[in-house]
Amino acid sequence: MAKGYSQVEGLDYDEAFAPVTRYDSLRLIIALALHLGLDMSQADIKSAFLNGDLNEEVWMMPPPGIGLDGKVLRLLKSLYGLKQAPLAWFQRLSSALPELGFLSCSFDPCVFISPDYNRIIVVYVDDITTVGRKSDVHKVYQHLIKHFTVMITEGLFYLLGIEILHTATGLELRQTQYITNILTHFGMQNSRPVSTPIDRKAPLVKADDSEPTYEKQLYQQMIGSLMYLVTCTRPDMGFVVSFLSRFSSHPLLCHHTAIQRVFHYLARTRTTSLVYTRRWSMDIPLLITGYSDADYVLCRDTRRSVFGYIFLLNSCAISWLSKKQSSVSTSTTESEYIALATTARQALWYINGLSQLGFTIPVELKANNTSSINVAENPINNPKTKYIDVSYHFTREHLIRTLFTLSYVPTGENLADIMTKGLSSVLHNRHTQGLGLTE
């Protein structure tokens, strides 16, 4: 390994960032492969970072005991520990795949598509997931073996910390072992089970500067461990983790009590899986449905609203988000309209991405606020909406272009409701089932 900590930016490295695929892209492609009956397999590149070519002039001291005392070595290939090693590896792989005809997609630079649209490659550092017919996938691996040392796994069973179970009806994505590990790490493996991850009746606000911080480092570690779960397979915890992360800089005892409840919920739902059901008939059309929702002035500290969205490919949840809005809304309509604009941007990302992958799949957006829907569909300004920032009229512009449709959904059926607030156990369970989460 090289002592990368001694490198100087601009002298022996410039760029150090290397892209990795988005989990949204990964879930979308897994769901597409399942619906279309395509084979999925995985390859791991051994000692990946040693394959990268260095563009910078980098010198290092040789390790002692190999007979090169008093000399220095110039590196022509990247080495583990170098700051630019991840980028050098990605550039090396990106140069090898075009030899087989693969091109990087602009919607996600770590997704590569073949010219005939029959094969898709998803790259996450040295983990490569390939989708296509089995004979076509084997051609990809035969090409990679010429350049790298590759370990191939037929089928997907464990990917980026996600356990993938194959069932008679499709796939189940879960992180049972990871949940068990973090429960044990924080001494909560025998936690009392609860039905929801947050208590709706316990309002939480930021601490005053005069109040002493309570176990800040522990709180931040717990938040970080939960964020990985939400990113991968647990949309049911999207709101609570986003909400509790706002107190990371100055947590109090009440905040620790709230995050411990999340771990109590995890103890009960450690085997919960994100279910992807196979499409049994090609006569059933593919459809992407996006649910949008906002909770007006939920944040007691900033008086800002919280919004969220959920996207499903048929019945498979492929992306989700829970976030506090960047500005204060003056009405419920405005907060819902701002949420709808963000949801529309994600919908457009799917439309562009699917077109690059060779698919044309209709997208339908759903919201539970009729006023925001009317504003999106009606280009006429009125006194209540004339102060809405121009950038949030994104939804209206693309509705006019008919890139997607927009319709009303009752609040009780709006799956994005789980991303904006704490819910009762009945409603929470209904939405988790709607998301395809099963224990």
Protein backbone atom coordinates (compact mmCIF):
# COMPACT_ATOMS: atom_id res chain seq x y z
CA MET A 1 0.00 0.00 0.00
CA ALA A 2 1.04 3.57 -0.66
CA LYS A 3 1.00 6.27 2.01
CA GLY A 4 -1.73 8.30 0.36
CA TYR A 5 -2.00 10.62 3.34
CA SER A 6 1.33 12.17 2.34
CA GLN A 7 0.17 13.08 -1.18
CA VAL A 8 -0.15 16.74 -2.12
CA GLU A 9 -3.06 17.88 -4.27
CA GLY A 10 -1.89 19.38 -7.56
CA LEU A 11 1.55 17.78 -7.20
CA ASP A 12 1.04 14.01 -7.35
CA TYR A 13 -2.74 13.85 -7.79
CA ASP A 14 -5.48 16.05 -9.22
CA GLU A 15 -8.85 14.34 -9.30
CA ALA A 16 -9.62 11.71 -6.68
CA PHE A 17 -13.37 11.25 -7.18
CA ALA A 18 -14.61 8.03 -8.79
CA PRO A 19 -18.33 7.57 -9.56
CA VAL A 20 -20.33 4.63 -8.25
CA THR A 21 -23.77 3.59 -9.41
CA ARG A 22 -26.84 4.98 -7.71
CA TYR A 23 -28.95 2.53 -5.74
CA ASP A 24 -31.95 3.91 -7.66
CA SER A 25 -30.32 2.70 -10.89
CA LEU A 26 -29.46 -0.67 -9.40
CA ARG A 27 -32.99 -1.32 -8.12
CA LEU A 28 -34.50 -0.17 -11.42
CA ILE A 29 -32.36 -2.55 -13.46
CA ILE A 30 -32.99 -5.48 -11.09
CA ALA A 31 -36.74 -4.86 -11.33
CA LEU A 32 -36.56 -4.59 -15.14
CA ALA A 33 -34.56 -7.81 -15.40
CA LEU A 34 -37.07 -9.61 -13.20
CA HIS A 35 -40.06 -8.38 -15.21
CA LEU A 36 -38.43 -9.20 -18.56
CA GLY A 37 -37.13 -12.60 -17.51
CA LEU A 38 -33.46 -11.71 -18.04
CA ASP A 39 -30.55 -13.42 -16.31
CA MET A 40 -28.58 -11.57 -13.65
CA SER A 41 -25.07 -12.42 -12.56
CA GLN A 42 -22.22 -10.81 -10.68
CA ALA A 43 -18.47 -10.51 -11.13
CA ASP A 44 -15.84 -9.32 -8.71
CA ILE A 45 -12.57 -7.90 -10.03
CA LYS A 46 -9.66 -9.10 -7.93
CA SER A 47 -7.13 -6.44 -6.85
CA ALA A 48 -9.05 -3.93 -8.97
CA PHE A 49 -7.09 -0.83 -7.98
CA LEU A 50 -3.81 -2.39 -9.19
CA ASN A 51 -5.10 -2.26 -12.78
CA GLY A 52 -5.38 1.51 -13.04
CA ASP A 53 -2.90 3.49 -15.14
CA LEU A 54 -1.42 6.58 -13.50
CA ASN A 55 -1.34 9.85 -15.41
CA GLU A 56 0.55 11.68 -12.66
CA GLU A 57 4.21 11.27 -11.77
CA VAL A 58 4.21 9.45 -8.43
CA TRP A 59 7.32 8.23 -6.58
CA MET A 60 7.43 6.09 -3.47
CA MET A 61 9.94 4.59 -1.10
CA PRO A 62 10.26 0.81 -1.49
CA PRO A 63 9.38 -1.33 1.52
CA PRO A 64 12.43 -2.36 3.58
CA GLY A 65 14.00 -5.78 3.19
CA ILE A 66 13.76 -6.18 -0.60
CA GLY A 67 17.27 -4.99 -1.45
CA LEU A 68 16.38 -1.55 -2.76
CA ASP A 69 17.59 0.56 0.13
CA GLY A 70 18.50 4.10 -0.89
CA LYS A 71 16.37 3.98 -4.04
CA VAL A 72 12.90 5.22 -4.96
CA LEU A 73 10.35 3.72 -7.32
CA ARG A 74 8.16 5.46 -9.87
CA LEU A 75 4.63 4.03 -10.02
CA LEU A 76 3.22 3.36 -13.48
CA LYS A 77 0.14 1.57 -12.13
CA SER A 78 -2.08 2.66 -9.28
CA LEU A 79 -1.70 1.16 -5.85
CA TYR A 80 -4.02 0.75 -2.89
CA GLY A 81 -3.72 3.78 -0.66
CA LEU A 82 -3.27 6.32 -3.46
CA LYS A 83 -5.91 9.01 -3.50
CA GLN A 84 -6.43 8.68 -7.25
CA ALA A 85 -6.56 4.85 -7.24
CA PRO A 86 -10.40 4.58 -7.41
CA LEU A 87 -10.57 7.02 -10.34
CA ALA A 88 -7.69 5.32 -12.17
CA TRP A 89 -9.48 1.98 -11.83
CA PHE A 90 -12.78 3.35 -13.13
CA GLN A 91 -11.02 4.93 -16.11
CA ARG A 92 -9.30 1.62 -16.87
CA LEU A 93 -12.58 -0.29 -16.76
CA SER A 94 -14.33 2.41 -18.81
CA SER A 95 -11.70 1.98 -21.52
CA ALA A 96 -12.07 -1.82 -21.60
CA LEU A 97 -15.87 -1.96 -21.93
CA PRO A 98 -16.13 0.12 -25.15
CA GLU A 99 -13.96 -2.52 -26.86
CA LEU A 100 -17.02 -4.77 -26.53
CA GLY A 101 -19.34 -2.03 -27.75
CA PHE A 102 -20.61 -0.87 -24.35
CA LEU A 103 -21.30 2.82 -23.83
CA SER A 104 -21.73 4.68 -20.54
CA CYS A 105 -25.21 6.11 -19.94
CA SER A 106 -25.49 9.82 -19.20
CA PHE A 107 -28.20 9.30 -16.57
CA ASP A 108 -25.72 7.19 -14.57
CA PRO A 109 -22.08 6.96 -15.72
CA CYS A 110 -21.69 3.61 -13.95
CA VAL A 111 -24.39 1.97 -16.10
CA PHE A 112 -23.16 0.64 -19.45
CA ILE A 113 -25.42 -0.52 -22.28
CA SER A 114 -24.60 -2.62 -25.35
CA PRO A 115 -25.50 -1.28 -28.82
CA ASP A 116 -28.24 -3.89 -29.27
CA TYR A 117 -29.71 -3.06 -25.80
CA ASN A 118 -29.49 -6.77 -24.89
CA ARG A 119 -26.94 -6.36 -22.10
CA ILE A 120 -26.62 -3.94 -19.20
CA ILE A 121 -23.61 -3.63 -16.92
CA VAL A 122 -23.81 -1.87 -13.54
CA VAL A 123 -20.52 -0.96 -11.85
CA TYR A 124 -19.94 -0.28 -8.15
CA VAL A 125 -16.15 0.01 -7.74
CA ASP A 126 -15.02 -3.60 -8.32
CA ASP A 127 -18.48 -5.21 -8.16
CA ILE A 128 -20.01 -5.68 -11.61
CA THR A 129 -23.63 -6.73 -12.11
CA THR A 130 -24.57 -7.91 -15.60
CA VAL A 131 -28.11 -8.27 -16.97
CA GLY A 132 -29.06 -10.00 -20.20
CA ARG A 133 -29.46 -13.39 -21.81
CA LYS A 134 -27.08 -15.98 -20.39
CA SER A 135 -25.15 -16.44 -23.65
CA ASP A 136 -24.66 -12.67 -24.03
CA VAL A 137 -23.55 -12.31 -20.41
CA HIS A 138 -20.90 -14.99 -20.88
CA LYS A 139 -19.43 -13.02 -23.79
CA VAL A 140 -19.02 -10.04 -21.48
CA TYR A 141 -17.13 -12.06 -18.90
CA GLN A 142 -14.92 -13.71 -21.54
CA HIS A 143 -13.89 -10.21 -22.61
CA LEU A 144 -13.24 -9.03 -19.04
CA ILE A 145 -11.12 -12.09 -18.27
CA LYS A 146 -8.71 -11.00 -21.02
CA HIS A 147 -7.99 -7.80 -19.09
CA PHE A 148 -8.55 -8.59 -15.39
CA THR A 149 -8.69 -11.39 -12.85
CA VAL A 150 -12.41 -11.99 -12.46
CA MET A 151 -14.44 -14.10 -10.02
CA ILE A 152 -17.87 -14.81 -11.53
CA THR A 153 -21.03 -15.68 -9.59
CA GLU A 154 -23.99 -17.02 -11.54
CA GLY A 155 -27.10 -15.25 -10.27
CA LEU A 156 -27.41 -12.51 -7.67
CA PHE A 157 -27.33 -13.59 -4.04
CA TYR A 158 -25.35 -10.96 -2.14
CA LEU A 159 -24.71 -7.51 -3.55
CA LEU A 160 -23.28 -4.43 -1.77
CA GLY A 161 -24.36 -5.71 1.63
CA ILE A 162 -27.84 -6.65 0.38
CA GLU A 163 -28.99 -10.25 0.71
CA ILE A 164 -30.98 -11.34 -2.37
CA LEU A 165 -33.32 -14.29 -1.94
CA HIS A 166 -34.82 -16.00 -4.97
CA THR A 167 -38.41 -17.15 -4.49
CA ALA A 168 -41.07 -18.75 -6.64
CA THR A 169 -42.66 -15.34 -7.27
CA GLY A 170 -39.56 -13.17 -7.68
CA LEU A 171 -36.86 -11.72 -5.44
CA GLU A 172 -36.55 -10.48 -1.87
CA LEU A 173 -33.98 -7.86 -0.91
CA ARG A 174 -33.08 -7.74 2.78
CA GLN A 175 -30.28 -6.82 5.20
CA THR A 176 -30.99 -9.17 8.08
CA GLN A 177 -27.35 -9.84 8.93
CA TYR A 178 -26.48 -6.15 8.85
CA ILE A 179 -29.38 -5.35 11.18
CA THR A 180 -28.30 -8.09 13.56
CA ASN A 181 -24.75 -6.72 13.54
CA ILE A 182 -25.71 -3.13 14.39
CA LEU A 183 -28.19 -4.25 17.06
CA THR A 184 -25.40 -6.27 18.68
CA HIS A 185 -22.88 -3.43 18.25
CA PHE A 186 -25.11 -0.99 20.13
CA GLY A 187 -26.20 -3.60 22.70
CA MET A 188 -29.84 -3.61 21.59
CA GLN A 189 -30.21 -7.15 20.27
CA ASN A 190 -32.81 -7.92 22.93
CA SER A 191 -34.79 -4.72 22.44
CA ARG A 192 -38.47 -4.48 23.28
CA PRO A 193 -40.34 -4.60 19.94
CA VAL A 194 -42.49 -1.65 18.83
CA SER A 195 -44.89 -1.38 15.90
CA THR A 196 -43.70 1.96 14.45
CA PRO A 197 -40.24 3.59 14.24
CA ILE A 198 -41.29 6.94 15.76
CA ASP A 199 -43.68 8.12 18.44
CA ARG A 200 -46.04 10.66 16.87
CA LYS A 201 -46.84 12.18 20.29
CA ALA A 202 -43.23 13.02 21.18
CA PRO A 203 -42.36 16.37 19.51
CA LEU A 204 -38.64 16.89 19.09
CA VAL A 205 -36.85 20.21 18.65
CA LYS A 206 -33.24 21.28 18.41
CA ALA A 207 -31.37 21.84 21.65
CA ASP A 208 -30.52 25.26 22.99
CA ASP A 209 -26.78 26.03 22.96
CA SER A 210 -26.80 26.17 26.75
CA GLU A 211 -28.01 22.56 27.09
CA PRO A 212 -25.27 19.94 27.45
CA THR A 213 -24.80 17.49 24.56
CA TYR A 214 -25.67 13.89 25.40
CA GLU A 215 -23.37 11.20 23.89
CA LYS A 216 -22.93 12.98 20.57
CA GLN A 217 -20.53 10.47 19.02
CA LEU A 218 -22.77 7.51 19.86
CA TYR A 219 -25.80 9.28 18.40
CA GLN A 220 -23.95 10.04 15.16
CA GLN A 221 -22.81 6.42 14.86
CA MET A 222 -26.38 5.20 15.27
CA ILE A 223 -27.65 7.64 12.64
CA GLY A 224 -24.93 6.59 10.20
CA SER A 225 -25.71 2.90 10.58
CA LEU A 226 -29.41 3.55 9.93
CA MET A 227 -28.75 5.69 6.85
CA TYR A 228 -27.22 2.71 5.06
CA LEU A 229 -30.38 0.69 5.66
CA VAL A 230 -32.63 3.45 4.31
CA THR A 231 -30.42 3.87 1.24
CA CYS A 232 -30.59 0.18 0.34
CA THR A 233 -33.80 -1.59 1.33
CA ARG A 234 -35.82 0.17 4.03
CA PRO A 235 -38.05 3.02 2.76
CA ASP A 236 -40.28 2.53 5.82
CA MET A 237 -37.58 4.27 7.91
CA GLY A 238 -36.83 7.07 5.45
CA PHE A 239 -38.68 9.79 7.34
CA VAL A 240 -37.55 8.96 10.87
CA VAL A 241 -33.84 8.70 9.96
CA SER A 242 -33.93 11.93 7.97
CA PHE A 243 -35.79 13.64 10.83
CA LEU A 244 -33.50 12.43 13.63
CA SER A 245 -30.33 13.21 11.66
CA ARG A 246 -31.11 16.94 12.10
CA PHE A 247 -30.15 16.66 15.77
CA SER A 248 -26.75 15.03 15.17
CA SER A 249 -24.75 18.13 16.02
CA HIS A 250 -26.34 18.59 19.45
CA PRO A 251 -28.33 15.53 20.62
CA LEU A 252 -30.14 15.45 23.95
CA LEU A 253 -31.45 12.56 26.01
CA CYS A 254 -34.86 12.85 24.32
CA HIS A 255 -33.20 12.42 20.93
CA HIS A 256 -31.41 9.29 22.15
CA THR A 257 -34.73 7.93 23.37
CA ALA A 258 -36.20 8.54 19.92
CA ILE A 259 -33.37 6.80 18.07
CA GLN A 260 -33.45 3.87 20.48
CA ARG A 261 -37.08 3.40 19.49
CA VAL A 262 -35.93 3.02 15.88
CA PHE A 263 -33.66 0.19 16.98
CA HIS A 264 -36.57 -1.37 18.91
CA TYR A 265 -38.50 -1.26 15.64
CA LEU A 266 -35.56 -2.83 13.81
CA ALA A 267 -35.40 -5.66 16.33
CA ARG A 268 -38.98 -6.55 15.43
CA THR A 269 -38.53 -6.13 11.67
CA ARG A 270 -35.00 -7.46 11.15
CA THR A 271 -36.24 -10.02 8.60
CA THR A 272 -38.30 -7.49 6.63
CA SER A 273 -37.67 -7.79 2.89
CA LEU A 274 -38.28 -5.54 -0.08
CA VAL A 275 -40.24 -7.87 -2.35
CA TYR A 276 -39.89 -7.70 -6.13
CA THR A 277 -42.63 -9.74 -7.78
CA ARG A 278 -42.13 -11.22 -11.22
CA ARG A 279 -44.50 -10.14 -14.01
CA TRP A 280 -46.29 -13.35 -14.93
CA SER A 281 -47.63 -12.23 -18.30
CA MET A 282 -46.06 -10.02 -20.96
CA ASP A 283 -49.59 -8.76 -21.63
CA ILE A 284 -49.37 -6.83 -18.35
CA PRO A 285 -47.88 -3.43 -19.27
CA LEU A 286 -44.96 -1.95 -17.37
CA LEU A 287 -45.76 1.27 -15.51
CA ILE A 288 -43.74 3.57 -13.25
CA THR A 289 -45.86 5.21 -10.56
CA GLY A 290 -44.57 8.08 -8.44
CA TYR A 291 -46.29 9.16 -5.21
CA SER A 292 -45.67 12.69 -3.92
CA ASP A 293 -46.53 14.15 -0.51
CA ALA A 294 -45.61 16.99 1.85
CA ASP A 295 -46.35 17.78 5.49
CA TYR A 296 -46.88 21.51 5.97
CA VAL A 297 -44.60 23.22 8.56
CA LEU A 298 -43.59 19.94 10.19
CA CYS A 299 -40.19 21.24 11.35
CA ARG A 300 -40.80 23.14 14.59
CA ASP A 301 -37.36 24.78 14.48
CA THR A 302 -37.39 26.29 10.98
CA ARG A 303 -41.13 26.16 10.21
CA ARG A 304 -40.33 24.41 6.96
CA SER A 305 -42.27 21.56 5.44
CA VAL A 306 -41.09 18.01 4.92
CA PHE A 307 -41.69 16.30 1.59
CA GLY A 308 -41.10 12.89 0.13
CA TYR A 309 -41.72 10.62 -2.83
CA ILE A 310 -41.95 6.93 -3.62
CA PHE A 311 -41.51 5.39 -7.09
CA LEU A 312 -42.62 1.89 -8.06
CA LEU A 313 -42.10 -0.12 -11.22
CA ASN A 314 -45.41 -1.95 -11.26
CA SER A 315 -45.41 -3.20 -7.63
CA CYS A 316 -41.64 -2.95 -7.00
CA ALA A 317 -40.35 0.02 -4.98
CA ILE A 318 -37.31 1.40 -6.82
CA SER A 319 -36.64 4.81 -5.22
CA TRP A 320 -37.70 6.93 -2.27
CA LEU A 321 -36.83 10.21 -0.59
CA SER A 322 -37.64 12.10 2.60
CA LYS A 323 -36.29 15.62 2.97
CA LYS A 324 -36.92 19.01 4.53
CA GLN A 325 -37.76 21.72 2.02
CA SER A 326 -35.14 24.41 1.42
CA SER A 327 -37.56 27.32 1.89
CA VAL A 328 -40.56 28.21 4.03
CA SER A 329 -43.92 27.59 2.35
CA THR A 330 -46.82 29.96 2.94
CA SER A 331 -49.54 27.37 2.42
CA THR A 332 -50.22 23.67 2.17
CA THR A 333 -50.71 24.09 -1.57
CA GLU A 334 -47.26 25.62 -1.99
CA SER A 335 -45.52 22.91 0.05
CA GLU A 336 -47.28 20.17 -1.93
CA TYR A 337 -46.48 21.91 -5.22
CA ILE A 338 -42.78 22.16 -4.32
CA ALA A 339 -42.81 18.45 -3.42
CA LEU A 340 -44.45 17.69 -6.75
CA ALA A 341 -41.68 19.54 -8.62
CA THR A 342 -38.99 17.37 -7.00
CA THR A 343 -41.01 14.23 -7.76
CA ALA A 344 -41.36 15.36 -11.38
CA ARG A 345 -37.58 15.76 -11.65
CA GLN A 346 -37.09 12.19 -10.48
CA ALA A 347 -39.73 11.06 -12.99
CA LEU A 348 -37.87 12.84 -15.78
CA TRP A 349 -34.66 11.12 -14.67
CA TYR A 350 -36.41 7.77 -15.08
CA ILE A 351 -37.80 8.73 -18.48
CA ASN A 352 -34.35 9.75 -19.76
CA GLY A 353 -32.67 6.73 -18.21
CA LEU A 354 -35.15 4.23 -19.61
CA SER A 355 -34.87 5.73 -23.09
CA GLN A 356 -31.10 5.20 -22.97
CA LEU A 357 -31.68 1.60 -21.90
CA GLY A 358 -34.02 1.09 -24.85
CA PHE A 359 -37.33 1.19 -22.96
CA THR A 360 -40.40 3.36 -23.27
CA ILE A 361 -42.42 3.00 -20.07
CA PRO A 362 -45.23 5.41 -19.14
CA VAL A 363 -44.86 7.37 -15.91
CA GLU A 364 -47.78 8.39 -13.73
CA LEU A 365 -47.50 10.78 -10.78
CA LYS A 366 -50.00 10.77 -7.91
CA ALA A 367 -50.63 13.40 -5.23
CA ASN A 368 -53.24 13.79 -2.53
CA ASN A 369 -53.62 17.58 -2.73
CA THR A 370 -56.10 18.76 -5.36
CA SER A 371 -54.98 22.40 -5.11
CA SER A 372 -51.38 21.59 -6.07
CA ILE A 373 -52.64 19.41 -8.94
CA ASN A 374 -54.78 22.29 -10.18
CA VAL A 375 -51.82 24.68 -10.04
CA ALA A 376 -49.72 22.18 -12.03
CA GLU A 377 -52.41 21.73 -14.67
CA ASN A 378 -53.53 25.39 -14.88
CA PRO A 379 -51.03 27.92 -16.29
CA ILE A 380 -53.04 30.88 -14.98
CA ASN A 381 -51.53 32.53 -11.89
CA ASN A 382 -53.75 33.60 -9.03
CA PRO A 383 -53.03 35.74 -5.92
CA LYS A 384 -52.35 32.67 -3.78
CA THR A 385 -49.75 31.15 -6.08
CA LYS A 386 -48.08 34.11 -7.80
CA TYR A 387 -45.26 34.12 -5.21
CA ILE A 388 -44.21 30.53 -5.92
CA ASP A 389 -40.70 30.46 -7.35
CA VAL A 390 -40.52 29.97 -11.12
CA SER A 391 -38.31 26.88 -10.74
CA TYR A 392 -41.14 24.97 -9.09
CA HIS A 393 -43.29 25.22 -12.24
CA PHE A 394 -41.15 22.38 -13.60
CA THR A 395 -44.10 20.00 -13.21
CA ARG A 396 -46.45 22.16 -15.28
CA GLU A 397 -43.97 22.50 -18.15
CA HIS A 398 -43.53 18.76 -18.51
CA LEU A 399 -47.22 18.03 -18.07
CA ILE A 400 -47.82 20.23 -21.10
CA ARG A 401 -45.24 18.14 -22.99
CA THR A 402 -47.15 15.01 -21.83
CA LEU A 403 -43.98 13.33 -20.57
CA PHE A 404 -46.00 11.96 -17.65
CA THR A 405 -49.50 12.10 -16.24
CA LEU A 406 -50.71 13.51 -12.92
CA SER A 407 -53.70 12.31 -10.94
CA TYR A 408 -55.24 12.47 -7.48
CA VAL A 409 -54.84 9.71 -4.90
CA PRO A 410 -56.63 9.65 -1.51
CA THR A 411 -54.39 10.37 1.48
CA GLY A 412 -54.91 6.89 2.89
CA GLU A 413 -53.59 5.38 -0.36
CA ASN A 414 -50.68 7.78 -0.88
CA LEU A 415 -47.58 5.67 -0.21
CA ALA A 416 -45.38 8.77 0.06
CA ASP A 417 -47.23 9.65 3.28
CA ILE A 418 -44.80 7.36 5.10
CA MET A 419 -41.90 9.59 3.98
CA THR A 420 -43.26 12.81 5.51
CA LYS A 421 -44.46 12.04 9.03
CA GLY A 422 -44.86 9.47 11.77
CA LEU A 423 -47.99 7.36 11.23
CA SER A 424 -50.29 5.23 13.34
CA SER A 425 -49.46 1.54 13.40
CA VAL A 426 -52.46 0.72 11.17
CA LEU A 427 -51.53 3.25 8.49
CA HIS A 428 -47.82 2.48 8.80
CA ASN A 429 -48.44 -1.23 8.19
CA ARG A 430 -50.75 -0.48 5.25
CA HIS A 431 -48.11 1.64 3.54
CA THR A 432 -45.25 -0.79 4.18
CA GLN A 433 -47.33 -3.50 2.55
CA GLY A 434 -48.02 -1.17 -0.37
CA LEU A 435 -44.27 -0.69 -0.75
CA GLY A 436 -43.78 -4.45 -1.00
CA LEU A 437 -42.16 -4.78 2.43
CA THR A 438 -42.96 -8.08 4.12
CA GLU A 439 -41.63 -9.68 7.30
